[in-house]
Amino acid sequence: QVRLVDSGGGLVQAGGSLRLSCDASGLTFSTYRMGWFRQAPGKEREFVAFIRRSDDSTYYEASVKGRFTISRDNANDTVFLQMNRLKPEDTAAYYCAARPDGPIIPLDRELWNYWGQGTQVTVSS
């Protein structure tokens, strides 16, 4: 049974930093693409970033590029999201996601197979 456990959220002032973690089990982690999505109240769940398993290349949503960094530790089946220079508009529940790696660029939530339970990030102005 695949399980993704998100952690690391919290309350931070604008301009601050947080590091999210996602511990995976029940899958061959090194063969999966890992990603992060977020969902603000009243809004759809949106793509934030993903990292490929093949070459650790990354892809970011435009508004977080240059501020957020996704990384993975295949030895410990963990994916991270380092978030710097946080803004109030980054406030959301953040969800880890996993899907088998492949050639497509999966920006839609429907293209991801497994999800974490979410961790809340709140950025105060």
PDB file of N, CA and C in Angstrom:
ATOM      1  N   GLN A   1       0.849  -1.195   0.000  1.00  0.00           N
ATOM      2  CA  GLN A   1       0.000   0.000   0.000  1.00  0.00           C
ATOM      3  C   GLN A   1       0.880   1.238   0.000  1.00  0.00           C
ATOM      4  N   VAL A   2       0.633   2.116  -0.980  1.00  0.00           N
ATOM      5  CA  VAL A   2       1.418   3.340  -1.087  1.00  0.00           C
ATOM      6  C   VAL A   2       0.952   4.338  -0.037  1.00  0.00           C
ATOM      7  N   ARG A   3       1.931   4.968   0.604  1.00  0.00           N
ATOM      8  CA  ARG A   3       1.600   5.989   1.598  1.00  0.00           C
ATOM      9  C   ARG A   3       2.578   7.139   1.447  1.00  0.00           C
ATOM     10  N   LEU A   4       2.026   8.367   1.389  1.00  0.00           N
ATOM     11  CA  LEU A   4       2.823   9.590   1.357  1.00  0.00           C
ATOM     12  C   LEU A   4       2.450  10.413   2.578  1.00  0.00           C
ATOM     13  N   VAL A   5       3.437  10.816   3.362  1.00  0.00           N
ATOM     14  CA  VAL A   5       3.176  11.574   4.590  1.00  0.00           C
ATOM     15  C   VAL A   5       3.881  12.919   4.489  1.00  0.00           C
ATOM     16  N   ASP A   6       3.064  13.969   4.408  1.00  0.00           N
ATOM     17  CA  ASP A   6       3.581  15.341   4.294  1.00  0.00           C
ATOM     18  C   ASP A   6       3.814  15.919   5.678  1.00  0.00           C
ATOM     19  N   SER A   7       4.832  16.764   5.799  1.00  0.00           N
ATOM     20  CA  SER A   7       5.078  17.470   7.052  1.00  0.00           C
ATOM     21  C   SER A   7       5.881  18.744   6.778  1.00  0.00           C
ATOM     22  N   GLY A   8       5.974  19.592   7.806  1.00  0.00           N
ATOM     23  CA  GLY A   8       6.828  20.769   7.715  1.00  0.00           C
ATOM     24  C   GLY A   8       6.103  22.085   7.553  1.00  0.00           C
ATOM     25  N   GLY A   9       4.799  22.043   7.423  1.00  0.00           N
ATOM     26  CA  GLY A   9       4.053  23.284   7.279  1.00  0.00           C
ATOM     27  C   GLY A   9       4.033  24.083   8.575  1.00  0.00           C
ATOM     28  N   GLY A  10       3.504  25.303   8.489  1.00  0.00           N
ATOM     29  CA  GLY A  10       3.427  26.147   9.674  1.00  0.00           C
ATOM     30  C   GLY A  10       3.061  27.569   9.325  1.00  0.00           C
ATOM     31  N   LEU A  11       3.189  28.435  10.324  1.00  0.00           N
ATOM     32  CA  LEU A  11       2.908  29.860  10.171  1.00  0.00           C
ATOM     33  C   LEU A  11       4.234  30.600  10.078  1.00  0.00           C
ATOM     34  N   VAL A  12       4.370  31.439   9.060  1.00  0.00           N
ATOM     35  CA  VAL A  12       5.604  32.188   8.858  1.00  0.00           C
ATOM     36  C   VAL A  12       5.266  33.580   8.334  1.00  0.00           C
ATOM     37  N   GLN A  13       6.118  34.529   8.638  1.00  0.00           N
ATOM     38  CA  GLN A  13       5.909  35.881   8.124  1.00  0.00           C
ATOM     39  C   GLN A  13       6.352  35.975   6.677  1.00  0.00           C
ATOM     40  N   ALA A  14       5.786  36.920   5.965  1.00  0.00           N
ATOM     41  CA  ALA A  14       6.194  37.161   4.586  1.00  0.00           C
ATOM     42  C   ALA A  14       7.698  37.392   4.519  1.00  0.00           C
ATOM     43  N   GLY A  15       8.325  36.779   3.528  1.00  0.00           N
ATOM     44  CA  GLY A  15       9.768  36.857   3.391  1.00  0.00           C
ATOM     45  C   GLY A  15      10.508  35.724   4.058  1.00  0.00           C
ATOM     46  N   GLY A  16       9.813  34.946   4.859  1.00  0.00           N
ATOM     47  CA  GLY A  16      10.429  33.836   5.571  1.00  0.00           C
ATOM     48  C   GLY A  16      10.530  32.579   4.729  1.00  0.00           C
ATOM     49  N   SER A  17      10.966  31.499   5.379  1.00  0.00           N
ATOM     50  CA  SER A  17      11.204  30.227   4.698  1.00  0.00           C
ATOM     51  C   SER A  17      10.580  29.071   5.473  1.00  0.00           C
ATOM     52  N   LEU A  18      10.237  28.034   4.726  1.00  0.00           N
ATOM     53  CA  LEU A  18       9.796  26.759   5.290  1.00  0.00           C
ATOM     54  C   LEU A  18      10.336  25.647   4.402  1.00  0.00           C
ATOM     55  N   ARG A  19      10.522  24.474   5.007  1.00  0.00           N
ATOM     56  CA  ARG A  19      10.931  23.304   4.255  1.00  0.00           C
ATOM     57  C   ARG A  19       9.922  22.189   4.505  1.00  0.00           C
ATOM     58  N   LEU A  20       9.248  21.788   3.443  1.00  0.00           N
ATOM     59  CA  LEU A  20       8.296  20.689   3.520  1.00  0.00           C
ATOM     60  C   LEU A  20       8.994  19.380   3.200  1.00  0.00           C
ATOM     61  N   SER A  21       8.519  18.311   3.831  1.00  0.00           N
ATOM     62  CA  SER A  21       9.028  16.969   3.566  1.00  0.00           C
ATOM     63  C   SER A  21       7.878  16.034   3.230  1.00  0.00           C
ATOM     64  N   CYS A  22       8.179  15.019   2.464  1.00  0.00           N
ATOM     65  CA  CYS A  22       7.196  13.989   2.143  1.00  0.00           C
ATOM     66  C   CYS A  22       7.907  12.645   2.196  1.00  0.00           C
ATOM     67  N   ASP A  23       7.493  11.813   3.149  1.00  0.00           N
ATOM     68  CA  ASP A  23       8.069  10.475   3.306  1.00  0.00           C
ATOM     69  C   ASP A  23       7.180   9.474   2.580  1.00  0.00           C
ATOM     70  N   ALA A  24       7.777   8.720   1.679  1.00  0.00           N
ATOM     71  CA  ALA A  24       7.024   7.767   0.864  1.00  0.00           C
ATOM     72  C   ALA A  24       7.314   6.336   1.305  1.00  0.00           C
ATOM     73  N   SER A  25       6.305   5.477   1.192  1.00  0.00           N
ATOM     74  CA  SER A  25       6.481   4.054   1.448  1.00  0.00           C
ATOM     75  C   SER A  25       5.520   3.284   0.549  1.00  0.00           C
ATOM     76  N   GLY A  26       5.835   2.004   0.336  1.00  0.00           N
ATOM     77  CA  GLY A  26       4.961   1.155  -0.460  1.00  0.00           C
ATOM     78  C   GLY A  26       5.142   1.286  -1.957  1.00  0.00           C
ATOM     79  N   LEU A  27       6.153   2.004  -2.399  1.00  0.00           N
ATOM     80  CA  LEU A  27       6.425   2.114  -3.819  1.00  0.00           C
ATOM     81  C   LEU A  27       7.936   2.095  -4.039  1.00  0.00           C
ATOM     82  N   THR A  28       8.332   1.817  -5.267  1.00  0.00           N
ATOM     83  CA  THR A  28       9.751   1.870  -5.615  1.00  0.00           C
ATOM     84  C   THR A  28      10.074   3.323  -5.908  1.00  0.00           C
ATOM     85  N   PHE A  29      10.461   4.030  -4.874  1.00  0.00           N
ATOM     86  CA  PHE A  29      10.549   5.493  -4.904  1.00  0.00           C
ATOM     87  C   PHE A  29      11.403   5.992  -6.058  1.00  0.00           C
ATOM     88  N   SER A  30      12.505   5.325  -6.316  1.00  0.00           N
ATOM     89  CA  SER A  30      13.447   5.821  -7.320  1.00  0.00           C
ATOM     90  C   SER A  30      12.895   5.762  -8.734  1.00  0.00           C
ATOM     91  N   THR A  31      11.771   5.073  -8.948  1.00  0.00           N
ATOM     92  CA  THR A  31      11.182   4.994 -10.290  1.00  0.00           C
ATOM     93  C   THR A  31      10.017   5.949 -10.473  1.00  0.00           C
ATOM     94  N   TYR A  32       9.695   6.712  -9.445  1.00  0.00           N
ATOM     95  CA  TYR A  32       8.548   7.607  -9.482  1.00  0.00           C
ATOM     96  C   TYR A  32       8.960   9.062  -9.630  1.00  0.00           C
ATOM     97  N   ARG A  33       8.154   9.806 -10.394  1.00  0.00           N
ATOM     98  CA  ARG A  33       8.247  11.253 -10.399  1.00  0.00           C
ATOM     99  C   ARG A  33       7.503  11.758  -9.170  1.00  0.00           C
ATOM    100  N   MET A  34       8.104  12.713  -8.483  1.00  0.00           N
ATOM    101  CA  MET A  34       7.498  13.264  -7.272  1.00  0.00           C
ATOM    102  C   MET A  34       7.158  14.735  -7.491  1.00  0.00           C
ATOM    103  N   GLY A  35       6.050  15.149  -6.905  1.00  0.00           N
ATOM    104  CA  GLY A  35       5.620  16.524  -7.116  1.00  0.00           C
ATOM    105  C   GLY A  35       4.975  17.123  -5.882  1.00  0.00           C
ATOM    106  N   TRP A  36       4.737  18.417  -5.964  1.00  0.00           N
ATOM    107  CA  TRP A  36       4.001  19.162  -4.948  1.00  0.00           C
ATOM    108  C   TRP A  36       2.896  19.968  -5.624  1.00  0.00           C
ATOM    109  N   PHE A  37       1.739  19.939  -4.988  1.00  0.00           N
ATOM    110  CA  PHE A  37       0.611  20.773  -5.388  1.00  0.00           C
ATOM    111  C   PHE A  37       0.188  21.581  -4.168  1.00  0.00           C
ATOM    112  N   ARG A  38      -0.658  22.565  -4.394  1.00  0.00           N
ATOM    113  CA  ARG A  38      -1.221  23.325  -3.274  1.00  0.00           C
ATOM    114  C   ARG A  38      -2.658  23.706  -3.570  1.00  0.00           C
ATOM    115  N   GLN A  39      -3.400  23.908  -2.481  1.00  0.00           N
ATOM    116  CA  GLN A  39      -4.803  24.282  -2.618  1.00  0.00           C
ATOM    117  C   GLN A  39      -5.164  25.308  -1.566  1.00  0.00           C
ATOM    118  N   ALA A  40      -5.528  26.492  -2.038  1.00  0.00           N
ATOM    119  CA  ALA A  40      -5.989  27.556  -1.164  1.00  0.00           C
ATOM    120  C   ALA A  40      -7.495  27.426  -0.984  1.00  0.00           C
ATOM    121  N   PRO A  41      -8.043  27.970   0.106  1.00  0.00           N
ATOM    122  CA  PRO A  41      -9.488  27.875   0.337  1.00  0.00           C
ATOM    123  C   PRO A  41     -10.285  28.423  -0.839  1.00  0.00           C
ATOM    124  N   GLY A  42     -11.260  27.650  -1.283  1.00  0.00           N
ATOM    125  CA  GLY A  42     -12.119  28.081  -2.368  1.00  0.00           C
ATOM    126  C   GLY A  42     -11.510  28.000  -3.753  1.00  0.00           C
ATOM    127  N   LYS A  43     -10.313  27.441  -3.843  1.00  0.00           N
ATOM    128  CA  LYS A  43      -9.636  27.345  -5.145  1.00  0.00           C
ATOM    129  C   LYS A  43      -9.341  25.886  -5.495  1.00  0.00           C
ATOM    130  N   GLU A  44      -9.032  25.677  -6.774  1.00  0.00           N
ATOM    131  CA  GLU A  44      -8.656  24.349  -7.234  1.00  0.00           C
ATOM    132  C   GLU A  44      -7.238  24.017  -6.760  1.00  0.00           C
ATOM    133  N   ARG A  45      -6.955  22.731  -6.667  1.00  0.00           N
ATOM    134  CA  ARG A  45      -5.601  22.291  -6.352  1.00  0.00           C
ATOM    135  C   ARG A  45      -4.719  22.569  -7.574  1.00  0.00           C
ATOM    136  N   GLU A  46      -3.599  23.239  -7.357  1.00  0.00           N
ATOM    137  CA  GLU A  46      -2.756  23.650  -8.463  1.00  0.00           C
ATOM    138  C   GLU A  46      -1.343  23.091  -8.328  1.00  0.00           C
ATOM    139  N   PHE A  47      -0.733  22.909  -9.485  1.00  0.00           N
ATOM    140  CA  PHE A  47       0.626  22.394  -9.558  1.00  0.00           C
ATOM    141  C   PHE A  47       1.623  23.406  -9.011  1.00  0.00           C
ATOM    142  N   VAL A  48       2.635  22.903  -8.303  1.00  0.00           N
ATOM    143  CA  VAL A  48       3.717  23.752  -7.796  1.00  0.00           C
ATOM    144  C   VAL A  48       5.057  23.363  -8.424  1.00  0.00           C
ATOM    145  N   ALA A  49       5.420  22.083  -8.311  1.00  0.00           N
ATOM    146  CA  ALA A  49       6.727  21.648  -8.814  1.00  0.00           C
ATOM    147  C   ALA A  49       6.759  20.133  -8.924  1.00  0.00           C
ATOM    148  N   PHE A  50       7.634  19.623  -9.808  1.00  0.00           N
ATOM    149  CA  PHE A  50       7.928  18.190  -9.792  1.00  0.00           C
ATOM    150  C   PHE A  50       9.399  17.967 -10.074  1.00  0.00           C
ATOM    151  N   ILE A  51       9.845  16.764  -9.726  1.00  0.00           N
ATOM    152  CA  ILE A  51      11.220  16.347  -9.967  1.00  0.00           C
ATOM    153  C   ILE A  51      11.191  14.952 -10.579  1.00  0.00           C
ATOM    154  N   ARG A  52      11.916  14.788 -11.680  1.00  0.00           N
ATOM    155  CA  ARG A  52      11.957  13.503 -12.369  1.00  0.00           C
ATOM    156  C   ARG A  52      12.867  12.542 -11.623  1.00  0.00           C
ATOM    157  N   ARG A  53      12.606  11.270 -11.808  1.00  0.00           N
ATOM    158  CA  ARG A  53      13.467  10.282 -11.166  1.00  0.00           C
ATOM    159  C   ARG A  53      14.705  10.025 -11.988  1.00  0.00           C
ATOM    160  N   SER A  54      14.612  10.251 -13.326  1.00  0.00           N
ATOM    161  CA  SER A  54      15.672   9.818 -14.224  1.00  0.00           C
ATOM    162  C   SER A  54      16.930  10.652 -14.083  1.00  0.00           C
ATOM    163  N   ASP A  55      16.749  11.973 -14.031  1.00  0.00           N
ATOM    164  CA  ASP A  55      17.932  12.845 -14.005  1.00  0.00           C
ATOM    165  C   ASP A  55      17.810  13.949 -12.967  1.00  0.00           C
ATOM    166  N   ASP A  56      16.816  13.836 -12.106  1.00  0.00           N
ATOM    167  CA  ASP A  56      16.565  14.849 -11.084  1.00  0.00           C
ATOM    168  C   ASP A  56      16.270  16.225 -11.684  1.00  0.00           C
ATOM    169  N   SER A  57      15.889  16.264 -12.945  1.00  0.00           N
ATOM    170  CA  SER A  57      15.509  17.563 -13.502  1.00  0.00           C
ATOM    171  C   SER A  57      14.185  17.997 -12.888  1.00  0.00           C
ATOM    172  N   THR A  58      13.966  19.302 -12.856  1.00  0.00           N
ATOM    173  CA  THR A  58      12.831  19.864 -12.139  1.00  0.00           C
ATOM    174  C   THR A  58      12.003  20.768 -13.047  1.00  0.00           C
ATOM    175  N   TYR A  59      10.786  21.031 -12.590  1.00  0.00           N
ATOM    176  CA  TYR A  59       9.856  21.892 -13.330  1.00  0.00           C
ATOM    177  C   TYR A  59       9.027  22.621 -12.302  1.00  0.00           C
ATOM    178  N   TYR A  60       8.853  23.941 -12.493  1.00  0.00           N
ATOM    179  CA  TYR A  60       8.168  24.768 -11.507  1.00  0.00           C
ATOM    180  C   TYR A  60       7.045  25.580 -12.131  1.00  0.00           C
ATOM    181  N   GLU A  61       6.041  25.811 -11.327  1.00  0.00           N
ATOM    182  CA  GLU A  61       5.013  26.783 -11.702  1.00  0.00           C
ATOM    183  C   GLU A  61       5.653  28.163 -11.689  1.00  0.00           C
ATOM    184  N   ALA A  62       5.220  29.029 -12.585  1.00  0.00           N
ATOM    185  CA  ALA A  62       5.916  30.293 -12.813  1.00  0.00           C
ATOM    186  C   ALA A  62       6.038  31.158 -11.556  1.00  0.00           C
ATOM    187  N   SER A  63       4.993  31.187 -10.731  1.00  0.00           N
ATOM    188  CA  SER A  63       5.004  32.111  -9.598  1.00  0.00           C
ATOM    189  C   SER A  63       5.961  31.687  -8.479  1.00  0.00           C
ATOM    190  N   VAL A  64       6.419  30.431  -8.496  1.00  0.00           N
ATOM    191  CA  VAL A  64       7.324  29.967  -7.440  1.00  0.00           C
ATOM    192  C   VAL A  64       8.756  29.787  -7.942  1.00  0.00           C
ATOM    193  N   LYS A  65       8.944  29.848  -9.246  1.00  0.00           N
ATOM    194  CA  LYS A  65      10.267  29.641  -9.808  1.00  0.00           C
ATOM    195  C   LYS A  65      11.228  30.686  -9.268  1.00  0.00           C
ATOM    196  N   GLY A  66      12.386  30.224  -8.804  1.00  0.00           N
ATOM    197  CA  GLY A  66      13.368  31.124  -8.225  1.00  0.00           C
ATOM    198  C   GLY A  66      13.216  31.296  -6.723  1.00  0.00           C
ATOM    199  N   ARG A  67      12.074  30.887  -6.170  1.00  0.00           N
ATOM    200  CA  ARG A  67      11.855  30.978  -4.717  1.00  0.00           C
ATOM    201  C   ARG A  67      11.765  29.600  -4.070  1.00  0.00           C
ATOM    202  N   PHE A  68      11.197  28.633  -4.792  1.00  0.00           N
ATOM    203  CA  PHE A  68      11.019  27.277  -4.265  1.00  0.00           C
ATOM    204  C   PHE A  68      12.007  26.335  -4.954  1.00  0.00           C
ATOM    205  N   THR A  69      12.447  25.325  -4.195  1.00  0.00           N
ATOM    206  CA  THR A  69      13.334  24.306  -4.753  1.00  0.00           C
ATOM    207  C   THR A  69      12.847  22.934  -4.317  1.00  0.00           C
ATOM    208  N   ILE A  70      12.595  22.072  -5.298  1.00  0.00           N
ATOM    209  CA  ILE A  70      12.215  20.691  -5.010  1.00  0.00           C
ATOM    210  C   ILE A  70      13.454  19.811  -5.122  1.00  0.00           C
ATOM    211  N   SER A  71      13.570  18.849  -4.220  1.00  0.00           N
ATOM    212  CA  SER A  71      14.691  17.913  -4.256  1.00  0.00           C
ATOM    213  C   SER A  71      14.217  16.566  -3.718  1.00  0.00           C
ATOM    214  N   ARG A  72      15.027  15.545  -3.944  1.00  0.00           N
ATOM    215  CA  ARG A  72      14.642  14.214  -3.492  1.00  0.00           C
ATOM    216  C   ARG A  72      15.840  13.468  -2.936  1.00  0.00           C
ATOM    217  N   ASP A  73      15.568  12.583  -2.010  1.00  0.00           N
ATOM    218  CA  ASP A  73      16.581  11.712  -1.409  1.00  0.00           C
ATOM    219  C   ASP A  73      16.123  10.285  -1.657  1.00  0.00           C
ATOM    220  N   ASN A  74      16.656   9.679  -2.703  1.00  0.00           N
ATOM    221  CA  ASN A  74      16.218   8.331  -3.079  1.00  0.00           C
ATOM    222  C   ASN A  74      16.642   7.280  -2.054  1.00  0.00           C
ATOM    223  N   ALA A  75      17.681   7.565  -1.286  1.00  0.00           N
ATOM    224  CA  ALA A  75      18.125   6.611  -0.272  1.00  0.00           C
ATOM    225  C   ALA A  75      17.126   6.503   0.877  1.00  0.00           C
ATOM    226  N   ASN A  76      16.406   7.594   1.121  1.00  0.00           N
ATOM    227  CA  ASN A  76      15.463   7.629   2.245  1.00  0.00           C
ATOM    228  C   ASN A  76      14.016   7.825   1.815  1.00  0.00           C
ATOM    229  N   ASP A  77      13.767   7.720   0.507  1.00  0.00           N
ATOM    230  CA  ASP A  77      12.388   7.794  -0.027  1.00  0.00           C
ATOM    231  C   ASP A  77      11.680   9.067   0.437  1.00  0.00           C
ATOM    232  N   THR A  78      12.369  10.182   0.289  1.00  0.00           N
ATOM    233  CA  THR A  78      11.830  11.453   0.749  1.00  0.00           C
ATOM    234  C   THR A  78      11.978  12.511  -0.337  1.00  0.00           C
ATOM    235  N   VAL A  79      10.985  13.357  -0.448  1.00  0.00           N
ATOM    236  CA  VAL A  79      11.045  14.513  -1.333  1.00  0.00           C
ATOM    237  C   VAL A  79      10.830  15.767  -0.491  1.00  0.00           C
ATOM    238  N   PHE A  80      11.518  16.833  -0.862  1.00  0.00           N
ATOM    239  CA  PHE A  80      11.488  18.078  -0.105  1.00  0.00           C
ATOM    240  C   PHE A  80      11.001  19.224  -0.991  1.00  0.00           C
ATOM    241  N   LEU A  81      10.457  20.242  -0.338  1.00  0.00           N
ATOM    242  CA  LEU A  81      10.164  21.496  -1.017  1.00  0.00           C
ATOM    243  C   LEU A  81      10.672  22.617  -0.121  1.00  0.00           C
ATOM    244  N   GLN A  82      11.790  23.216  -0.522  1.00  0.00           N
ATOM    245  CA  GLN A  82      12.333  24.366   0.195  1.00  0.00           C
ATOM    246  C   GLN A  82      11.658  25.611  -0.349  1.00  0.00           C
ATOM    247  N   MET A  83      11.014  26.356   0.526  1.00  0.00           N
ATOM    248  CA  MET A  83      10.264  27.537   0.113  1.00  0.00           C
ATOM    249  C   MET A  83      10.886  28.765   0.762  1.00  0.00           C
ATOM    250  N   ASN A  84      11.418  29.650  -0.064  1.00  0.00           N
ATOM    251  CA  ASN A  84      12.051  30.882   0.408  1.00  0.00           C
ATOM    252  C   ASN A  84      11.264  32.089  -0.075  1.00  0.00           C
ATOM    253  N   ARG A  85      11.500  33.218   0.564  1.00  0.00           N
ATOM    254  CA  ARG A  85      10.841  34.489   0.201  1.00  0.00           C
ATOM    255  C   ARG A  85       9.337  34.272   0.061  1.00  0.00           C
ATOM    256  N   LEU A  86       8.767  33.671   1.074  1.00  0.00           N
ATOM    257  CA  LEU A  86       7.340  33.355   1.028  1.00  0.00           C
ATOM    258  C   LEU A  86       6.489  34.609   1.004  1.00  0.00           C
ATOM    259  N   LYS A  87       5.351  34.492   0.319  1.00  0.00           N
ATOM    260  CA  LYS A  87       4.404  35.592   0.165  1.00  0.00           C
ATOM    261  C   LYS A  87       3.045  35.164   0.718  1.00  0.00           C
ATOM    262  N   PRO A  88       2.222  36.120   1.106  1.00  0.00           N
ATOM    263  CA  PRO A  88       0.884  35.754   1.597  1.00  0.00           C
ATOM    264  C   PRO A  88       0.098  34.913   0.596  1.00  0.00           C
ATOM    265  N   GLU A  89       0.300  35.138  -0.673  1.00  0.00           N
ATOM    266  CA  GLU A  89      -0.420  34.362  -1.686  1.00  0.00           C
ATOM    267  C   GLU A  89       0.069  32.924  -1.799  1.00  0.00           C
ATOM    268  N   ASP A  90       1.136  32.568  -1.089  1.00  0.00           N
ATOM    269  CA  ASP A  90       1.564  31.179  -1.028  1.00  0.00           C
ATOM    270  C   ASP A  90       0.784  30.388   0.015  1.00  0.00           C
ATOM    271  N   THR A  91      -0.047  31.060   0.782  1.00  0.00           N
ATOM    272  CA  THR A  91      -0.839  30.394   1.808  1.00  0.00           C
ATOM    273  C   THR A  91      -1.755  29.353   1.176  1.00  0.00           C
ATOM    274  N   ALA A  92      -1.648  28.105   1.650  1.00  0.00           N
ATOM    275  CA  ALA A  92      -2.419  26.995   1.090  1.00  0.00           C
ATOM    276  C   ALA A  92      -2.080  25.728   1.854  1.00  0.00           C
ATOM    277  N   ALA A  93      -2.869  24.690   1.612  1.00  0.00           N
ATOM    278  CA  ALA A  93      -2.486  23.344   2.016  1.00  0.00           C
ATOM    279  C   ALA A  93      -1.622  22.771   0.905  1.00  0.00           C
ATOM    280  N   TYR A  94      -0.476  22.241   1.262  1.00  0.00           N
ATOM    281  CA  TYR A  94       0.473  21.693   0.288  1.00  0.00           C
ATOM    282  C   TYR A  94       0.419  20.169   0.332  1.00  0.00           C
ATOM    283  N   TYR A  95       0.371  19.568  -0.859  1.00  0.00           N
ATOM    284  CA  TYR A  95       0.216  18.127  -0.992  1.00  0.00           C
ATOM    285  C   TYR A  95       1.353  17.544  -1.817  1.00  0.00           C
ATOM    286  N   CYS A  96       1.953  16.496  -1.299  1.00  0.00           N
ATOM    287  CA  CYS A  96       2.919  15.709  -2.043  1.00  0.00           C
ATOM    288  C   CYS A  96       2.173  14.765  -2.973  1.00  0.00           C
ATOM    289  N   ALA A  97       2.753  14.482  -4.133  1.00  0.00           N
ATOM    290  CA  ALA A  97       2.123  13.581  -5.087  1.00  0.00           C
ATOM    291  C   ALA A  97       3.181  12.713  -5.760  1.00  0.00           C
ATOM    292  N   ALA A  98       2.731  11.560  -6.263  1.00  0.00           N
ATOM    293  CA  ALA A  98       3.647  10.641  -6.931  1.00  0.00           C
ATOM    294  C   ALA A  98       2.973  10.015  -8.139  1.00  0.00           C
ATOM    295  N   ARG A  99       3.766   9.768  -9.182  1.00  0.00           N
ATOM    296  CA  ARG A  99       3.289   9.056 -10.364  1.00  0.00           C
ATOM    297  C   ARG A  99       4.492   8.374 -11.009  1.00  0.00           C
ATOM    298  N   PRO A 100       4.279   7.287 -11.732  1.00  0.00           N
ATOM    299  CA  PRO A 100       5.406   6.680 -12.440  1.00  0.00           C
ATOM    300  C   PRO A 100       6.010   7.685 -13.401  1.00  0.00           C
ATOM    301  N   ASP A 101       7.326   7.659 -13.514  1.00  0.00           N
ATOM    302  CA  ASP A 101       7.991   8.625 -14.364  1.00  0.00           C
ATOM    303  C   ASP A 101       7.719   8.313 -15.831  1.00  0.00           C
ATOM    304  N   GLY A 102       7.839   9.323 -16.690  1.00  0.00           N
ATOM    305  CA  GLY A 102       7.579   9.146 -18.108  1.00  0.00           C
ATOM    306  C   GLY A 102       7.856  10.420 -18.860  1.00  0.00           C
ATOM    307  N   PRO A 103       7.507  10.460 -20.139  1.00  0.00           N
ATOM    308  CA  PRO A 103       7.879  11.598 -20.989  1.00  0.00           C
ATOM    309  C   PRO A 103       6.970  12.813 -20.852  1.00  0.00           C
ATOM    310  N   ILE A 104       5.777  12.685 -20.304  1.00  0.00           N
ATOM    311  CA  ILE A 104       4.852  13.817 -20.292  1.00  0.00           C
ATOM    312  C   ILE A 104       5.210  14.794 -19.178  1.00  0.00           C
ATOM    313  N   ILE A 105       4.604  15.992 -19.273  1.00  0.00           N
ATOM    314  CA  ILE A 105       4.733  17.003 -18.219  1.00  0.00           C
ATOM    315  C   ILE A 105       3.394  17.071 -17.513  1.00  0.00           C
ATOM    316  N   PRO A 106       3.261  16.391 -16.390  1.00  0.00           N
ATOM    317  CA  PRO A 106       1.947  16.224 -15.738  1.00  0.00           C
ATOM    318  C   PRO A 106       1.581  17.374 -14.818  1.00  0.00           C
ATOM    319  N   LEU A 107       1.001  18.407 -15.368  1.00  0.00           N
ATOM    320  CA  LEU A 107       0.630  19.567 -14.567  1.00  0.00           C
ATOM    321  C   LEU A 107      -0.763  19.445 -13.970  1.00  0.00           C
ATOM    322  N   ASP A 108      -1.588  18.551 -14.495  1.00  0.00           N
ATOM    323  CA  ASP A 108      -2.944  18.365 -13.984  1.00  0.00           C
ATOM    324  C   ASP A 108      -2.957  17.356 -12.848  1.00  0.00           C
ATOM    325  N   ARG A 109      -3.735  17.622 -11.840  1.00  0.00           N
ATOM    326  CA  ARG A 109      -3.798  16.729 -10.687  1.00  0.00           C
ATOM    327  C   ARG A 109      -4.295  15.345 -11.073  1.00  0.00           C
ATOM    328  N   GLU A 110      -5.114  15.257 -12.124  1.00  0.00           N
ATOM    329  CA  GLU A 110      -5.650  13.963 -12.538  1.00  0.00           C
ATOM    330  C   GLU A 110      -4.587  13.016 -13.057  1.00  0.00           C
ATOM    331  N   LEU A 111      -3.415  13.534 -13.363  1.00  0.00           N
ATOM    332  CA  LEU A 111      -2.337  12.716 -13.915  1.00  0.00           C
ATOM    333  C   LEU A 111      -1.448  12.115 -12.832  1.00  0.00           C
ATOM    334  N   TRP A 112      -1.754  12.397 -11.591  1.00  0.00           N
ATOM    335  CA  TRP A 112      -0.948  11.883 -10.474  1.00  0.00           C
ATOM    336  C   TRP A 112      -1.725  10.786  -9.748  1.00  0.00           C
ATOM    337  N   ASN A 113      -0.988   9.746  -9.328  1.00  0.00           N
ATOM    338  CA  ASN A 113      -1.641   8.548  -8.818  1.00  0.00           C
ATOM    339  C   ASN A 113      -1.836   8.560  -7.307  1.00  0.00           C
ATOM    340  N   TYR A 114      -0.867   9.108  -6.592  1.00  0.00           N
ATOM    341  CA  TYR A 114      -0.888   9.007  -5.133  1.00  0.00           C
ATOM    342  C   TYR A 114      -0.684  10.383  -4.507  1.00  0.00           C
ATOM    343  N   TRP A 115      -1.312  10.549  -3.310  1.00  0.00           N
ATOM    344  CA  TRP A 115      -1.308  11.854  -2.662  1.00  0.00           C
ATOM    345  C   TRP A 115      -1.013  11.729  -1.176  1.00  0.00           C
ATOM    346  N   GLY A 116      -0.330  12.746  -0.637  1.00  0.00           N
ATOM    347  CA  GLY A 116      -0.190  12.881   0.800  1.00  0.00           C
ATOM    348  C   GLY A 116      -1.443  13.498   1.387  1.00  0.00           C
ATOM    349  N   GLN A 117      -1.448  13.619   2.707  1.00  0.00           N
ATOM    350  CA  GLN A 117      -2.628  14.122   3.411  1.00  0.00           C
ATOM    351  C   GLN A 117      -2.663  15.648   3.447  1.00  0.00           C
ATOM    352  N   GLY A 118      -1.542  16.274   3.097  1.00  0.00           N
ATOM    353  CA  GLY A 118      -1.478  17.731   3.079  1.00  0.00           C
ATOM    354  C   GLY A 118      -0.885  18.314   4.350  1.00  0.00           C
ATOM    355  N   THR A 119      -0.207  19.435   4.190  1.00  0.00           N
ATOM    356  CA  THR A 119       0.340  20.177   5.326  1.00  0.00           C
ATOM    357  C   THR A 119       0.083  21.661   5.074  1.00  0.00           C
ATOM    358  N   GLN A 120      -0.407  22.354   6.102  1.00  0.00           N
ATOM    359  CA  GLN A 120      -0.851  23.739   5.932  1.00  0.00           C
ATOM    360  C   GLN A 120       0.318  24.709   6.040  1.00  0.00           C
ATOM    361  N   VAL A 121       0.391  25.614   5.070  1.00  0.00           N
ATOM    362  CA  VAL A 121       1.357  26.705   5.088  1.00  0.00           C
ATOM    363  C   VAL A 121       0.578  28.010   5.132  1.00  0.00           C
ATOM    364  N   THR A 122       0.861  28.831   6.130  1.00  0.00           N
ATOM    365  CA  THR A 122       0.199  30.120   6.271  1.00  0.00           C
ATOM    366  C   THR A 122       1.260  31.205   6.347  1.00  0.00           C
ATOM    367  N   VAL A 123       1.167  32.174   5.438  1.00  0.00           N
ATOM    368  CA  VAL A 123       2.136  33.263   5.373  1.00  0.00           C
ATOM    369  C   VAL A 123       1.421  34.551   5.741  1.00  0.00           C
ATOM    370  N   SER A 124       1.866  35.174   6.808  1.00  0.00           N
ATOM    371  CA  SER A 124       1.244  36.415   7.261  1.00  0.00           C
ATOM    372  C   SER A 124       1.956  37.627   6.658  1.00  0.00           C
ATOM    373  N   SER A 125       1.191  38.673   6.433  1.00  0.00           N
ATOM    374  CA  SER A 125       1.765  39.880   5.810  1.00  0.00           C
ATOM    375  C   SER A 125       2.304  40.834   6.863  1.00  0.00           C
TER     376      SER A 125
END
